[in-house]
Amino acid sequence: MSNLERDPAEVTECSNGTPAGAPTVLPDGTVGTEPALEILTPREVPLGGPRAMTVRRTLPSKARSMIGAWCFLDHYGPETVAATGGMRVPPHPHTGLQTVSWLFEGEIEHRDSVGSYALVRPGELNLMTAGRGVSHSEVSTPGTTTLHGAQLWVALPDAERHRLPSFESHVSKKVSVGDAQLQVFMGTLGGVFAEALTFSALVAAQIDLPAGGSVTLDVSAEHEHGVLIDSGRASILNRIVEQHELAYLAPGCSSLTITAADAPARLLLIGGEPLGEKILMWWNFVGRTHEEVVAYRAAWQAEAVGIDTPAPPGTEGFFVPTLPGTAPDFEGGPLPAPALPSVRLKPRPDPPAG
């Protein structure tokens, strides 16, 4: 999915959240080292057009830029396609990241400059590794009446961010733990391992709980974690997290207990080791410096949009097919990049948690 904001803010990862082991007041009033729970509330972003589909964005936010290497989270639906027009995201570029597409309901067609064509369906992961550069489009299928899901991005570590782009699709691994039904689509959770290609330690899963149901999951204490409430409400660390909120937990948890409130709850759990690298994210690009992002934008405008300027040296062919037979049958013309801000793109540090 593209970030369709006309004035996207630059975002840079920095030290995130409460450090592991920081003193916290526990529910019984004593002081302990249980990691603090931070609640991130979404902001609404229209996905273009007069009948724009609205998404709820919790990453990046003013409070927090990343959770592990997860740097972007849009949550949308359930949307009635007849009312919104569904998803119509024209060809657009990405660099330095992986796109993670996950649906609860509906179906989306994916096409990319690697030559991939795939249908995104509930319970199946579509994973595109942009590497040095890729372009793709996403369009809901004609038979889709309701669209409901999440789009996430993972920042690639510096050693892997210049690799050639690729695409893969996997059926999630299903397992029952406690009262919960898990669908694990990245990393390891509940004793099952998802085959998705990752370049840093990550986990991602859908968790379904019945009303009043509870699950305790073994998780890595080295990881940061986020729990997005898709439907219902849930208690985490004795605090109620409302629908559409994203609960953040700093490193330090070796187990995580989630309890549904008085209605069934569906959640997305994401986590990972803190990336440990500063990234610069602007529009659909993840880079490290102002000059890189400027070059990515110029290459996209030159090679895909058709602006009459050459692509900067070293960026030729990043976003257009270079192999015979790989030209995608995109629907619609490419999405022009927004104008760069008048000031130099630079790090924007996260404020301290609490």
Protein backbone atom coordinates (compact mmCIF):
# COMPACT_ATOMS: atom_id res chain seq x y z
CA MET A 1 0.00 0.00 0.00
CA SER A 2 1.16 3.49 -0.76
CA ASN A 3 1.32 6.40 1.62
CA LEU A 4 -0.96 8.78 -0.30
CA GLU A 5 -0.47 11.82 1.93
CA ARG A 6 0.30 14.98 -0.03
CA ASP A 7 2.75 16.18 2.63
CA PRO A 8 4.31 13.09 4.22
CA ALA A 9 6.46 13.78 7.25
CA GLU A 10 9.98 12.43 7.47
CA VAL A 11 10.37 9.82 10.19
CA THR A 12 13.57 8.57 11.71
CA GLU A 13 13.91 5.71 14.19
CA CYS A 14 15.64 6.47 17.42
CA SER A 15 15.66 5.11 20.97
CA ASN A 16 12.12 3.80 21.46
CA GLY A 17 10.14 3.63 24.65
CA THR A 18 10.82 2.71 28.24
CA PRO A 19 14.06 0.72 28.58
CA ALA A 20 13.79 -2.87 29.74
CA GLY A 21 13.87 -3.10 33.50
CA ALA A 22 12.79 0.50 34.10
CA PRO A 23 10.86 0.82 37.40
CA THR A 24 7.09 0.73 37.01
CA VAL A 25 4.22 0.77 39.47
CA LEU A 26 2.50 -2.61 39.31
CA PRO A 27 -1.30 -3.07 39.68
CA ASP A 28 -0.94 -3.92 43.39
CA GLY A 29 0.86 -0.62 44.05
CA THR A 30 4.33 -2.09 44.45
CA VAL A 31 7.30 -1.03 42.36
CA GLY A 32 8.57 -3.65 39.96
CA THR A 33 10.16 -4.06 36.55
CA GLU A 34 7.11 -5.09 34.52
CA PRO A 35 7.40 -3.27 31.16
CA ALA A 36 5.06 -0.30 30.85
CA LEU A 37 2.12 -0.45 28.47
CA GLU A 38 1.85 2.46 26.06
CA ILE A 39 -1.33 3.06 24.05
CA LEU A 40 -1.02 4.44 20.52
CA THR A 41 -4.23 5.86 19.06
CA PRO A 42 -4.75 5.92 15.29
CA ARG A 43 -5.14 8.90 13.00
CA GLU A 44 -7.36 8.66 9.95
CA VAL A 45 -5.77 8.98 6.49
CA PRO A 46 -7.80 8.94 3.22
CA LEU A 47 -6.42 6.70 0.49
CA GLY A 48 -7.02 9.13 -2.37
CA GLY A 49 -9.95 9.86 -4.68
CA PRO A 50 -13.37 11.47 -4.15
CA ARG A 51 -14.69 8.30 -2.48
CA ALA A 52 -11.51 7.67 -0.53
CA MET A 53 -11.17 4.56 1.59
CA THR A 54 -10.06 5.68 5.02
CA VAL A 55 -7.29 3.89 6.89
CA ARG A 56 -6.35 4.12 10.56
CA ARG A 57 -2.59 4.70 10.93
CA THR A 58 -0.84 3.89 14.21
CA LEU A 59 2.74 3.63 12.91
CA PRO A 60 4.49 5.95 12.49
CA SER A 61 2.95 8.31 15.04
CA LYS A 62 4.09 11.29 17.07
CA ALA A 63 4.48 8.98 20.06
CA ARG A 64 6.44 6.19 18.39
CA SER A 65 8.11 5.57 15.04
CA MET A 66 8.84 1.85 15.16
CA ILE A 67 8.25 -1.43 16.97
CA GLY A 68 11.28 -3.59 16.29
CA ALA A 69 11.81 -3.16 12.54
CA TRP A 70 8.07 -2.54 11.97
CA CYS A 71 7.85 1.05 10.71
CA PHE A 72 4.33 1.40 9.28
CA LEU A 73 0.88 0.07 10.17
CA ASP A 74 -2.37 0.93 8.38
CA HIS A 75 -5.58 -0.74 9.56
CA TYR A 76 -8.72 -0.45 7.42
CA GLY A 77 -12.29 -1.64 7.24
CA PRO A 78 -14.62 -3.23 7.31
CA GLU A 79 -15.36 -1.00 4.29
CA THR A 80 -18.31 -1.48 1.97
CA VAL A 81 -16.76 -1.41 -1.49
CA ALA A 82 -19.95 -0.10 -3.11
CA ALA A 83 -19.71 3.01 -0.92
CA THR A 84 -15.96 3.66 -0.98
CA GLY A 85 -14.91 2.23 -4.34
CA GLY A 86 -12.63 -0.23 -2.58
CA MET A 87 -8.87 -0.17 -2.89
CA ARG A 88 -7.45 1.49 -5.99
CA VAL A 89 -3.77 2.14 -5.29
CA PRO A 90 -1.96 2.88 -8.57
CA PRO A 91 1.64 1.85 -9.30
CA HIS A 92 3.97 3.41 -6.74
CA PRO A 93 7.55 2.79 -5.56
CA HIS A 94 9.22 1.43 -2.44
CA THR A 95 12.83 1.17 -1.26
CA GLY A 96 14.58 -0.32 1.76
CA LEU A 97 11.57 -2.17 3.21
CA GLN A 98 9.24 -5.16 3.05
CA THR A 99 5.49 -4.72 2.56
CA VAL A 100 3.33 -7.11 4.59
CA SER A 101 -0.28 -7.49 3.38
CA TRP A 102 -2.82 -9.21 5.67
CA LEU A 103 -6.58 -9.42 5.12
CA PHE A 104 -9.47 -10.28 7.42
CA GLU A 105 -12.05 -10.03 4.64
CA GLY A 106 -12.07 -9.37 0.89
CA GLU A 107 -9.54 -9.91 -1.89
CA ILE A 108 -6.87 -7.69 -3.48
CA GLU A 109 -4.89 -8.07 -6.71
CA HIS A 110 -1.16 -7.41 -6.39
CA ARG A 111 1.08 -6.64 -9.38
CA ASP A 112 4.72 -5.59 -9.20
CA SER A 113 7.73 -4.71 -11.34
CA VAL A 114 9.37 -8.06 -10.55
CA GLY A 115 6.59 -9.62 -12.64
CA SER A 116 4.55 -10.98 -9.75
CA TYR A 117 0.79 -11.34 -9.86
CA ALA A 118 -0.96 -12.55 -6.73
CA LEU A 119 -4.29 -12.41 -4.93
CA VAL A 120 -4.19 -11.30 -1.30
CA ARG A 121 -6.75 -13.39 0.64
CA PRO A 122 -7.64 -13.80 4.34
CA GLY A 123 -5.25 -16.11 6.16
CA GLU A 124 -2.50 -15.70 3.55
CA LEU A 125 0.57 -13.49 3.78
CA ASN A 126 1.72 -11.50 0.76
CA LEU A 127 5.28 -10.30 1.34
CA MET A 128 7.14 -8.00 -1.06
CA THR A 129 10.80 -7.23 -0.39
CA ALA A 130 11.55 -3.91 -2.06
CA GLY A 131 15.30 -3.97 -1.50
CA ARG A 132 16.95 -1.36 -3.72
CA GLY A 133 13.64 -0.56 -5.41
CA VAL A 134 10.35 -1.97 -6.65
CA SER A 135 6.98 -0.68 -7.85
CA HIS A 136 3.56 -2.28 -7.40
CA SER A 137 -0.19 -1.69 -7.49
CA GLU A 138 -3.04 -2.96 -5.30
CA VAL A 139 -6.64 -3.17 -6.48
CA SER A 140 -9.58 -4.87 -4.77
CA THR A 141 -11.15 -7.52 -6.99
CA PRO A 142 -14.57 -7.02 -8.67
CA GLY A 143 -16.15 -9.70 -6.49
CA THR A 144 -15.09 -8.06 -3.24
CA THR A 145 -18.01 -6.49 -1.38
CA THR A 146 -16.27 -5.80 1.95
CA LEU A 147 -12.60 -4.93 2.47
CA HIS A 148 -10.96 -5.31 5.87
CA GLY A 149 -7.31 -5.79 6.73
CA ALA A 150 -3.91 -4.33 7.55
CA GLN A 151 -0.86 -3.19 5.64
CA LEU A 152 2.49 -3.11 7.41
CA TRP A 153 6.05 -2.24 6.45
CA VAL A 154 9.28 -3.66 7.84
CA ALA A 155 12.48 -1.62 7.54
CA LEU A 156 15.37 -3.63 6.12
CA PRO A 157 18.69 -3.48 7.97
CA ASP A 158 21.49 -1.63 6.24
CA ALA A 159 23.24 -4.83 5.13
CA GLU A 160 20.14 -6.02 3.22
CA ARG A 161 18.45 -2.89 1.96
CA HIS A 162 20.20 -2.83 -1.44
CA ARG A 163 19.30 -6.39 -2.40
CA LEU A 164 17.25 -7.19 -5.51
CA PRO A 165 13.48 -7.05 -5.04
CA SER A 166 11.41 -10.21 -4.60
CA PHE A 167 7.88 -11.40 -3.79
CA GLU A 168 6.43 -14.40 -1.95
CA SER A 169 3.09 -15.63 -0.63
CA HIS A 170 2.44 -18.07 2.24
CA VAL A 171 -0.54 -19.61 3.98
CA SER A 172 -0.34 -18.81 7.70
CA LYS A 173 0.45 -21.47 10.31
CA LYS A 174 -2.59 -22.16 12.50
CA VAL A 175 -2.38 -23.32 16.11
CA SER A 176 -4.54 -23.25 19.26
CA VAL A 177 -3.02 -21.86 22.47
CA GLY A 178 -5.19 -21.48 25.57
CA ASP A 179 -8.52 -20.05 24.44
CA ALA A 180 -6.99 -18.46 21.34
CA GLN A 181 -6.76 -19.43 17.71
CA LEU A 182 -3.48 -18.17 16.24
CA GLN A 183 -2.52 -17.59 12.61
CA VAL A 184 1.24 -17.05 12.59
CA PHE A 185 2.50 -15.42 9.40
CA MET A 186 6.01 -14.25 10.33
CA GLY A 187 8.51 -15.64 12.81
CA THR A 188 7.78 -18.13 15.59
CA LEU A 189 4.88 -18.11 18.06
CA GLY A 190 2.86 -20.77 19.84
CA GLY A 191 5.35 -23.44 18.82
CA VAL A 192 4.92 -22.92 15.05
CA PHE A 193 7.27 -21.26 12.56
CA ALA A 194 6.22 -19.26 9.50
CA GLU A 195 8.44 -19.58 6.42
CA ALA A 196 8.32 -15.91 5.41
CA LEU A 197 11.69 -14.37 4.54
CA THR A 198 12.89 -12.00 7.27
CA PHE A 199 16.12 -10.05 7.72
CA SER A 200 15.79 -9.23 11.41
CA ALA A 201 14.16 -11.09 14.31
CA LEU A 202 10.39 -10.59 13.82
CA VAL A 203 7.04 -12.08 14.76
CA ALA A 204 3.52 -11.43 13.44
CA ALA A 205 0.25 -13.26 14.08
CA GLN A 206 -3.50 -12.87 14.10
CA ILE A 207 -5.06 -13.85 17.44
CA ASP A 208 -8.77 -14.66 17.81
CA LEU A 209 -10.29 -14.94 21.30
CA PRO A 210 -13.86 -15.72 22.38
CA ALA A 211 -15.65 -13.41 24.79
CA GLY A 212 -13.86 -13.63 28.15
CA GLY A 213 -11.21 -15.93 26.67
CA SER A 214 -7.55 -15.66 27.64
CA VAL A 215 -4.19 -16.70 26.23
CA THR A 216 -0.66 -16.56 27.65
CA LEU A 217 2.05 -16.56 25.00
CA ASP A 218 5.76 -17.15 25.41
CA VAL A 219 7.51 -14.25 23.69
CA SER A 220 11.09 -13.04 23.42
CA ALA A 221 12.15 -10.69 26.21
CA GLU A 222 14.55 -9.05 23.74
CA HIS A 223 11.69 -7.95 21.51
CA GLU A 224 9.45 -4.92 21.51
CA HIS A 225 5.82 -5.89 20.92
CA GLY A 226 2.67 -4.25 19.65
CA VAL A 227 -0.90 -5.53 19.89
CA LEU A 228 -3.48 -3.97 17.56
CA ILE A 229 -7.13 -4.49 18.50
CA ASP A 230 -9.07 -5.10 15.30
CA SER A 231 -12.40 -5.94 16.94
CA GLY A 232 -13.64 -6.13 20.52
CA ARG A 233 -11.61 -5.02 23.53
CA ALA A 234 -8.85 -6.78 25.44
CA SER A 235 -6.99 -6.59 28.74
CA ILE A 236 -3.19 -6.49 28.56
CA LEU A 237 -1.13 -5.98 31.73
CA ASN A 238 -4.43 -5.34 33.55
CA ARG A 239 -5.28 -2.45 31.27
CA ILE A 240 -8.17 -2.40 28.79
CA VAL A 241 -7.12 -1.68 25.21
CA GLU A 242 -9.94 -0.42 23.02
CA GLN A 243 -10.80 -1.29 19.42
CA HIS A 244 -8.36 0.19 16.86
CA GLU A 245 -5.75 1.06 19.50
CA LEU A 246 -2.20 -0.29 19.35
CA ALA A 247 -0.69 -1.35 22.68
CA TYR A 248 3.11 -1.11 22.87
CA LEU A 249 5.31 -3.11 25.24
CA ALA A 250 9.01 -2.38 25.63
CA PRO A 251 11.54 -5.23 25.78
CA GLY A 252 11.42 -7.21 29.00
CA CYS A 253 8.34 -9.43 28.57
CA SER A 254 9.00 -13.17 28.38
CA SER A 255 5.28 -13.96 28.46
CA LEU A 256 2.25 -11.99 27.39
CA THR A 257 -1.29 -12.58 28.65
CA ILE A 258 -4.21 -11.21 26.64
CA THR A 259 -7.82 -11.53 27.82
CA ALA A 260 -10.86 -10.62 25.73
CA ALA A 261 -13.53 -8.47 27.36
CA ASP A 262 -17.25 -9.19 27.07
CA ALA A 263 -17.19 -9.79 23.29
CA PRO A 264 -14.98 -11.82 20.96
CA ALA A 265 -11.71 -10.08 20.14
CA ARG A 266 -9.47 -10.21 17.09
CA LEU A 267 -5.95 -8.85 17.37
CA LEU A 268 -2.72 -8.51 15.45
CA LEU A 269 0.48 -9.13 17.39
CA ILE A 270 3.73 -7.77 15.95
CA GLY A 271 7.17 -7.74 17.52
CA GLY A 272 10.86 -7.76 16.92
CA GLU A 273 14.29 -6.86 18.17
CA PRO A 274 14.91 -3.10 18.10
CA LEU A 275 16.52 -2.42 14.73
CA GLY A 276 19.42 -0.53 16.25
CA GLU A 277 19.80 1.65 13.15
CA LYS A 278 18.50 5.09 12.33
CA ILE A 279 16.26 5.14 9.26
CA LEU A 280 14.88 8.04 7.27
CA MET A 281 11.37 7.38 5.95
CA TRP A 282 9.61 9.77 3.58
CA TRP A 283 6.57 8.93 1.44
CA ASN A 284 7.15 5.31 0.30
CA PHE A 285 10.93 5.34 0.65
CA VAL A 286 13.09 4.10 3.50
CA GLY A 287 16.68 5.30 3.30
CA ARG A 288 19.37 6.66 5.56
CA THR A 289 20.13 10.15 4.25
CA HIS A 290 18.42 13.15 2.68
CA GLU A 291 20.44 12.64 -0.51
CA GLU A 292 19.25 9.03 -0.87
CA VAL A 293 15.60 9.94 -0.57
CA VAL A 294 15.99 12.79 -3.07
CA ALA A 295 17.62 10.37 -5.53
CA TYR A 296 14.88 7.75 -5.08
CA ARG A 297 12.20 10.34 -5.76
CA ALA A 298 14.01 11.65 -8.85
CA ALA A 299 14.45 8.11 -10.21
CA TRP A 300 10.74 7.35 -9.79
CA GLN A 301 9.69 10.61 -11.41
CA ALA A 302 12.08 10.08 -14.33
CA GLU A 303 11.53 6.40 -15.08
CA ALA A 304 7.91 5.79 -14.13
CA VAL A 305 6.07 9.10 -14.12
CA GLY A 306 7.91 10.38 -17.20
CA ILE A 307 9.33 13.64 -15.92
CA ASP A 308 11.86 14.71 -18.53
CA THR A 309 14.98 14.38 -16.38
CA PRO A 310 17.36 11.42 -16.23
CA ALA A 311 17.43 9.14 -13.22
CA PRO A 312 20.34 9.95 -10.90
CA PRO A 313 23.44 7.80 -11.47
CA GLY A 314 23.19 4.48 -9.68
CA THR A 315 19.36 4.43 -9.59
CA GLU A 316 18.68 3.42 -13.19
CA GLY A 317 16.04 0.71 -13.50
CA PHE A 318 15.13 0.66 -9.80
CA PHE A 319 11.37 0.89 -10.36
CA VAL A 320 10.68 -0.34 -13.90
CA PRO A 321 10.98 -3.91 -15.25
CA THR A 322 14.34 -4.60 -16.86
CA LEU A 323 13.85 -8.27 -17.83
CA PRO A 324 11.81 -9.32 -20.90
CA GLY A 325 8.36 -10.59 -20.02
CA THR A 326 8.20 -9.01 -16.55
CA ALA A 327 6.20 -5.90 -17.43
CA PRO A 328 3.17 -5.89 -15.09
CA ASP A 329 -0.33 -5.25 -16.40
CA PHE A 330 -0.87 -2.30 -14.10
CA GLU A 331 -4.31 -0.75 -13.80
CA GLY A 332 -3.96 3.00 -14.25
CA GLY A 333 -0.96 5.28 -14.54
CA PRO A 334 1.79 5.61 -11.93
CA LEU A 335 1.35 7.73 -8.84
CA PRO A 336 3.48 10.89 -8.96
CA ALA A 337 5.64 11.55 -5.92
CA PRO A 338 4.64 14.47 -3.68
CA ALA A 339 6.86 17.53 -3.63
CA LEU A 340 9.81 17.41 -1.31
CA PRO A 341 9.69 19.77 1.68
CA SER A 342 11.62 23.01 1.38
CA VAL A 343 13.92 21.99 4.23
CA ARG A 344 16.45 19.20 4.46
CA LEU A 345 15.04 15.84 5.57
CA LYS A 346 16.56 14.97 8.90
CA PRO A 347 15.98 12.74 11.94
CA ARG A 348 12.86 13.31 14.03
CA PRO A 349 13.47 11.68 17.41
CA ASP A 350 10.73 9.93 19.36
CA PRO A 351 9.75 11.59 22.63
CA PRO A 352 10.44 9.46 25.72
CA ALA A 353 7.67 7.09 26.77
CA GLY A 354 5.53 8.12 29.72
